[in-house]
Amino acid sequence: MLSFSASESVPMRTRKNYLGSVAIRNAVNSPRVRNGRSFACGNCNSVFSMKHNLQYHWRIECGQPPRYNCPYCAYRTKHPSNVRAHVRRKHPDNRVYVVDIRKTDIPQFF
């Protein structure tokens, strides 16, 4: 193991290798990777590390058309948070809310 005093600088190559090895060690020790399980969607190429994420994917995303609309333009997405971010970015002077096309009579205000 290399040691450096506070006044010495760590060579870039060494710093990069050390940080990379720490990231790999942390990833391998993660409970999601440690058990070696992955959950693949049978309809598309998506793979998830947790079963409930796959179940959410099946229910909300996989094979479903975009459900949430921007109230000010034709932007559509599968997640309401994306519409809120879009409205803040593209329509900054307007009220931030999401139109759920499955519940067209009640907009979701935030």
N, C-alpha and C. Protein backbone atom coordinates (compact mmCIF):
# COMPACT_ATOMS: atom_id res chain seq x y z
N MET A 1 0.85 -1.18 0.00
CA MET A 1 0.00 0.00 0.00
C MET A 1 0.88 1.23 0.00
N LEU A 2 0.55 2.18 -0.83
CA LEU A 2 1.31 3.42 -0.92
C LEU A 2 0.82 4.41 0.12
N SER A 3 1.74 5.16 0.69
CA SER A 3 1.32 6.21 1.62
C SER A 3 2.01 7.50 1.22
N PHE A 4 1.30 8.58 1.35
CA PHE A 4 1.79 9.90 0.98
C PHE A 4 1.52 10.85 2.11
N SER A 5 2.45 11.77 2.31
CA SER A 5 2.22 12.79 3.32
C SER A 5 1.28 13.84 2.75
N ALA A 6 0.79 14.70 3.61
CA ALA A 6 -0.17 15.73 3.17
C ALA A 6 0.46 16.69 2.16
N SER A 7 1.78 16.89 2.24
CA SER A 7 2.42 17.85 1.33
C SER A 7 2.71 17.23 -0.03
N GLU A 8 2.75 15.89 -0.13
CA GLU A 8 3.02 15.23 -1.40
C GLU A 8 1.71 15.04 -2.16
N SER A 9 1.79 15.11 -3.46
CA SER A 9 0.59 14.84 -4.24
C SER A 9 0.64 13.40 -4.73
N VAL A 10 -0.51 12.79 -4.82
CA VAL A 10 -0.61 11.42 -5.29
C VAL A 10 -0.56 11.45 -6.81
N PRO A 11 0.28 10.64 -7.43
CA PRO A 11 0.29 10.60 -8.90
C PRO A 11 -1.09 10.25 -9.42
N MET A 12 -1.49 10.86 -10.54
CA MET A 12 -2.84 10.70 -11.08
C MET A 12 -3.17 9.23 -11.35
N ARG A 13 -2.25 8.50 -11.89
CA ARG A 13 -2.50 7.10 -12.21
C ARG A 13 -2.81 6.30 -10.93
N THR A 14 -2.06 6.55 -9.88
CA THR A 14 -2.28 5.85 -8.62
C THR A 14 -3.62 6.23 -8.02
N ARG A 15 -3.96 7.52 -8.05
CA ARG A 15 -5.23 7.99 -7.50
C ARG A 15 -6.39 7.35 -8.26
N LYS A 16 -6.29 7.31 -9.57
CA LYS A 16 -7.33 6.73 -10.39
C LYS A 16 -7.52 5.25 -10.07
N ASN A 17 -6.40 4.52 -9.98
CA ASN A 17 -6.49 3.09 -9.67
C ASN A 17 -7.09 2.87 -8.29
N TYR A 18 -6.69 3.68 -7.32
CA TYR A 18 -7.21 3.52 -5.96
C TYR A 18 -8.71 3.79 -5.93
N LEU A 19 -9.14 4.89 -6.55
CA LEU A 19 -10.57 5.22 -6.55
C LEU A 19 -11.37 4.17 -7.29
N GLY A 20 -10.83 3.65 -8.38
CA GLY A 20 -11.51 2.59 -9.12
C GLY A 20 -11.65 1.33 -8.30
N SER A 21 -10.60 0.96 -7.55
CA SER A 21 -10.67 -0.26 -6.76
C SER A 21 -11.66 -0.10 -5.60
N VAL A 22 -11.76 1.10 -5.03
CA VAL A 22 -12.73 1.34 -3.96
C VAL A 22 -14.15 1.21 -4.51
N ALA A 23 -14.40 1.77 -5.69
CA ALA A 23 -15.74 1.68 -6.29
C ALA A 23 -16.11 0.23 -6.59
N ILE A 24 -15.15 -0.53 -7.10
CA ILE A 24 -15.42 -1.94 -7.41
C ILE A 24 -15.68 -2.71 -6.12
N ARG A 25 -14.88 -2.47 -5.09
CA ARG A 25 -15.06 -3.17 -3.82
C ARG A 25 -16.43 -2.83 -3.23
N ASN A 26 -16.83 -1.57 -3.28
CA ASN A 26 -18.14 -1.18 -2.75
C ASN A 26 -19.27 -1.82 -3.55
N ALA A 27 -19.13 -1.88 -4.86
CA ALA A 27 -20.18 -2.48 -5.70
C ALA A 27 -20.31 -3.97 -5.43
N VAL A 28 -19.19 -4.66 -5.28
CA VAL A 28 -19.22 -6.10 -5.04
C VAL A 28 -19.82 -6.41 -3.67
N ASN A 29 -19.58 -5.54 -2.70
CA ASN A 29 -20.11 -5.77 -1.35
C ASN A 29 -21.55 -5.30 -1.20
N SER A 30 -22.11 -4.70 -2.21
CA SER A 30 -23.49 -4.24 -2.16
C SER A 30 -24.43 -5.44 -2.04
N PRO A 31 -25.47 -5.35 -1.20
CA PRO A 31 -26.38 -6.48 -1.05
C PRO A 31 -27.08 -6.86 -2.35
N ARG A 32 -27.25 -5.91 -3.26
CA ARG A 32 -27.94 -6.20 -4.52
C ARG A 32 -27.08 -7.06 -5.43
N VAL A 33 -25.77 -6.86 -5.38
CA VAL A 33 -24.88 -7.61 -6.25
C VAL A 33 -24.39 -8.88 -5.56
N ARG A 34 -24.23 -8.82 -4.27
CA ARG A 34 -23.66 -9.93 -3.51
C ARG A 34 -24.46 -11.21 -3.70
N ASN A 35 -25.79 -11.12 -3.74
CA ASN A 35 -26.57 -12.34 -3.89
C ASN A 35 -26.58 -12.84 -5.33
N GLY A 36 -26.07 -12.04 -6.27
CA GLY A 36 -25.92 -12.49 -7.65
C GLY A 36 -27.22 -12.64 -8.40
N ARG A 37 -28.31 -12.15 -7.87
CA ARG A 37 -29.60 -12.29 -8.55
C ARG A 37 -29.89 -11.08 -9.40
N SER A 38 -30.49 -11.32 -10.53
CA SER A 38 -30.99 -10.23 -11.35
C SER A 38 -32.36 -10.65 -11.89
N PHE A 39 -33.17 -9.66 -12.19
CA PHE A 39 -34.54 -9.91 -12.62
C PHE A 39 -34.73 -9.29 -14.00
N ALA A 40 -34.86 -10.14 -15.00
CA ALA A 40 -34.97 -9.67 -16.38
C ALA A 40 -36.42 -9.64 -16.83
N CYS A 41 -36.75 -8.64 -17.61
CA CYS A 41 -38.09 -8.53 -18.19
C CYS A 41 -38.15 -9.48 -19.39
N GLY A 42 -39.22 -10.23 -19.49
CA GLY A 42 -39.39 -11.16 -20.61
C GLY A 42 -39.85 -10.49 -21.89
N ASN A 43 -40.29 -9.22 -21.79
CA ASN A 43 -40.80 -8.52 -22.97
C ASN A 43 -39.78 -7.61 -23.63
N CYS A 44 -38.77 -7.17 -22.88
CA CYS A 44 -37.79 -6.24 -23.43
C CYS A 44 -36.41 -6.59 -22.84
N ASN A 45 -35.42 -5.77 -23.07
CA ASN A 45 -34.06 -6.07 -22.62
C ASN A 45 -33.73 -5.49 -21.25
N SER A 46 -34.69 -5.03 -20.50
CA SER A 46 -34.43 -4.42 -19.20
C SER A 46 -34.11 -5.49 -18.16
N VAL A 47 -33.12 -5.18 -17.30
CA VAL A 47 -32.73 -6.06 -16.21
C VAL A 47 -32.70 -5.24 -14.93
N PHE A 48 -33.21 -5.80 -13.84
CA PHE A 48 -33.31 -5.08 -12.57
C PHE A 48 -32.63 -5.87 -11.47
N SER A 49 -32.12 -5.15 -10.48
CA SER A 49 -31.45 -5.80 -9.37
C SER A 49 -32.42 -6.16 -8.25
N MET A 50 -33.62 -5.59 -8.31
CA MET A 50 -34.61 -5.87 -7.26
C MET A 50 -35.94 -6.25 -7.92
N LYS A 51 -36.59 -7.23 -7.34
CA LYS A 51 -37.81 -7.77 -7.92
C LYS A 51 -38.93 -6.73 -8.01
N HIS A 52 -39.07 -5.88 -6.99
CA HIS A 52 -40.17 -4.90 -7.03
C HIS A 52 -39.96 -3.87 -8.14
N ASN A 53 -38.70 -3.61 -8.53
CA ASN A 53 -38.46 -2.70 -9.67
C ASN A 53 -38.93 -3.33 -10.98
N LEU A 54 -38.74 -4.64 -11.12
CA LEU A 54 -39.25 -5.35 -12.30
C LEU A 54 -40.78 -5.32 -12.31
N GLN A 55 -41.39 -5.53 -11.16
CA GLN A 55 -42.85 -5.50 -11.09
C GLN A 55 -43.40 -4.11 -11.44
N TYR A 56 -42.74 -3.05 -10.97
CA TYR A 56 -43.13 -1.69 -11.32
C TYR A 56 -42.99 -1.49 -12.83
N HIS A 57 -41.90 -1.98 -13.39
CA HIS A 57 -41.65 -1.88 -14.83
C HIS A 57 -42.78 -2.54 -15.62
N TRP A 58 -43.19 -3.73 -15.22
CA TRP A 58 -44.28 -4.42 -15.90
C TRP A 58 -45.57 -3.62 -15.82
N ARG A 59 -45.87 -3.08 -14.65
CA ARG A 59 -47.14 -2.39 -14.42
C ARG A 59 -47.20 -1.03 -15.11
N ILE A 60 -46.11 -0.27 -15.08
CA ILE A 60 -46.14 1.12 -15.53
C ILE A 60 -45.49 1.33 -16.89
N GLU A 61 -44.39 0.66 -17.16
CA GLU A 61 -43.58 1.02 -18.31
C GLU A 61 -43.67 0.09 -19.51
N CYS A 62 -43.48 -1.19 -19.31
CA CYS A 62 -43.26 -2.13 -20.41
C CYS A 62 -44.50 -2.28 -21.29
N GLY A 63 -44.37 -1.90 -22.52
CA GLY A 63 -45.46 -2.03 -23.48
C GLY A 63 -46.58 -1.02 -23.33
N GLN A 64 -46.46 -0.11 -22.40
CA GLN A 64 -47.49 0.89 -22.17
C GLN A 64 -47.15 2.18 -22.92
N PRO A 65 -48.15 2.85 -23.46
CA PRO A 65 -47.87 4.16 -24.08
C PRO A 65 -47.61 5.20 -22.98
N PRO A 66 -46.94 6.29 -23.31
CA PRO A 66 -46.73 7.34 -22.31
C PRO A 66 -48.07 7.82 -21.76
N ARG A 67 -48.12 8.00 -20.45
CA ARG A 67 -49.38 8.28 -19.78
C ARG A 67 -49.53 9.73 -19.35
N TYR A 68 -48.43 10.44 -19.15
CA TYR A 68 -48.47 11.79 -18.59
C TYR A 68 -48.12 12.83 -19.65
N ASN A 69 -48.95 13.87 -19.73
CA ASN A 69 -48.79 14.93 -20.72
C ASN A 69 -48.37 16.23 -20.07
N CYS A 70 -47.65 17.03 -20.84
CA CYS A 70 -47.42 18.43 -20.47
C CYS A 70 -48.69 19.19 -20.81
N PRO A 71 -49.16 20.06 -19.92
CA PRO A 71 -50.38 20.82 -20.21
C PRO A 71 -50.18 21.93 -21.22
N TYR A 72 -48.92 22.23 -21.59
CA TYR A 72 -48.63 23.38 -22.45
C TYR A 72 -48.12 23.00 -23.83
N CYS A 73 -47.74 21.73 -24.05
CA CYS A 73 -47.25 21.31 -25.36
C CYS A 73 -47.51 19.82 -25.54
N ALA A 74 -46.96 19.21 -26.55
CA ALA A 74 -47.24 17.82 -26.87
C ALA A 74 -46.31 16.83 -26.17
N TYR A 75 -45.48 17.27 -25.24
CA TYR A 75 -44.55 16.38 -24.54
C TYR A 75 -45.32 15.34 -23.73
N ARG A 76 -44.92 14.06 -23.87
CA ARG A 76 -45.53 12.96 -23.13
C ARG A 76 -44.44 12.05 -22.59
N THR A 77 -44.69 11.45 -21.44
CA THR A 77 -43.72 10.55 -20.82
C THR A 77 -44.45 9.55 -19.92
N LYS A 78 -43.70 8.55 -19.46
CA LYS A 78 -44.28 7.52 -18.60
C LYS A 78 -44.19 7.85 -17.12
N HIS A 79 -43.47 8.92 -16.77
CA HIS A 79 -43.27 9.29 -15.36
C HIS A 79 -43.67 10.74 -15.12
N PRO A 80 -44.51 11.01 -14.11
CA PRO A 80 -44.96 12.39 -13.87
C PRO A 80 -43.81 13.32 -13.47
N SER A 81 -42.79 12.81 -12.83
CA SER A 81 -41.67 13.68 -12.44
C SER A 81 -40.96 14.25 -13.66
N ASN A 82 -40.94 13.50 -14.75
CA ASN A 82 -40.32 14.01 -15.98
C ASN A 82 -41.12 15.18 -16.55
N VAL A 83 -42.45 15.11 -16.45
CA VAL A 83 -43.28 16.22 -16.94
C VAL A 83 -43.07 17.45 -16.06
N ARG A 84 -43.01 17.27 -14.75
CA ARG A 84 -42.78 18.42 -13.86
C ARG A 84 -41.45 19.09 -14.17
N ALA A 85 -40.41 18.30 -14.37
CA ALA A 85 -39.10 18.87 -14.72
C ALA A 85 -39.16 19.57 -16.07
N HIS A 86 -39.86 19.00 -17.02
CA HIS A 86 -40.03 19.60 -18.35
C HIS A 86 -40.74 20.95 -18.25
N VAL A 87 -41.83 21.00 -17.49
CA VAL A 87 -42.58 22.26 -17.35
C VAL A 87 -41.70 23.33 -16.71
N ARG A 88 -40.96 22.98 -15.67
CA ARG A 88 -40.08 23.96 -15.03
C ARG A 88 -39.00 24.47 -15.98
N ARG A 89 -38.50 23.59 -16.83
CA ARG A 89 -37.41 23.94 -17.74
C ARG A 89 -37.91 24.66 -19.00
N LYS A 90 -38.96 24.16 -19.63
CA LYS A 90 -39.42 24.68 -20.92
C LYS A 90 -40.52 25.74 -20.82
N HIS A 91 -41.27 25.73 -19.73
CA HIS A 91 -42.37 26.67 -19.54
C HIS A 91 -42.24 27.32 -18.17
N PRO A 92 -41.16 28.07 -17.91
CA PRO A 92 -40.86 28.52 -16.54
C PRO A 92 -41.88 29.48 -15.93
N ASP A 93 -42.63 30.19 -16.73
CA ASP A 93 -43.58 31.16 -16.19
C ASP A 93 -44.97 30.58 -15.96
N ASN A 94 -45.15 29.30 -16.23
CA ASN A 94 -46.46 28.67 -16.09
C ASN A 94 -46.54 27.81 -14.82
N ARG A 95 -47.76 27.52 -14.43
CA ARG A 95 -47.99 26.68 -13.26
C ARG A 95 -47.53 25.24 -13.55
N VAL A 96 -46.90 24.61 -12.58
CA VAL A 96 -46.37 23.25 -12.75
C VAL A 96 -47.43 22.25 -12.35
N TYR A 97 -47.92 21.50 -13.33
CA TYR A 97 -48.82 20.38 -13.05
C TYR A 97 -48.75 19.39 -14.19
N VAL A 98 -49.28 18.19 -13.95
CA VAL A 98 -49.20 17.07 -14.87
C VAL A 98 -50.61 16.67 -15.28
N VAL A 99 -50.80 16.33 -16.56
CA VAL A 99 -52.07 15.82 -17.03
C VAL A 99 -51.92 14.31 -17.21
N ASP A 100 -52.71 13.56 -16.45
CA ASP A 100 -52.72 12.10 -16.56
C ASP A 100 -53.81 11.76 -17.57
N ILE A 101 -53.43 11.17 -18.71
CA ILE A 101 -54.43 10.92 -19.76
C ILE A 101 -55.43 9.84 -19.36
N ARG A 102 -55.12 9.04 -18.34
CA ARG A 102 -56.10 8.05 -17.85
C ARG A 102 -57.15 8.71 -16.96
N LYS A 103 -56.83 9.88 -16.43
CA LYS A 103 -57.77 10.63 -15.57
C LYS A 103 -57.81 12.05 -16.12
N THR A 104 -58.35 12.21 -17.29
CA THR A 104 -58.30 13.50 -17.99
C THR A 104 -59.06 14.62 -17.31
N ASP A 105 -60.02 14.30 -16.46
CA ASP A 105 -60.81 15.34 -15.83
C ASP A 105 -60.12 16.00 -14.64
N ILE A 106 -59.09 15.36 -14.04
CA ILE A 106 -58.44 15.90 -12.85
C ILE A 106 -56.93 16.03 -13.09
N PRO A 107 -56.40 17.24 -13.29
CA PRO A 107 -54.96 17.38 -13.42
C PRO A 107 -54.28 17.20 -12.06
N GLN A 108 -53.04 16.75 -12.08
CA GLN A 108 -52.29 16.53 -10.84
C GLN A 108 -51.46 17.78 -10.55
N PHE A 109 -51.85 18.57 -9.54
CA PHE A 109 -51.15 19.80 -9.18
C PHE A 109 -50.03 19.50 -8.20
N PHE A 110 -48.91 20.20 -8.39
CA PHE A 110 -47.77 20.01 -7.49
C PHE A 110 -47.19 21.35 -7.13
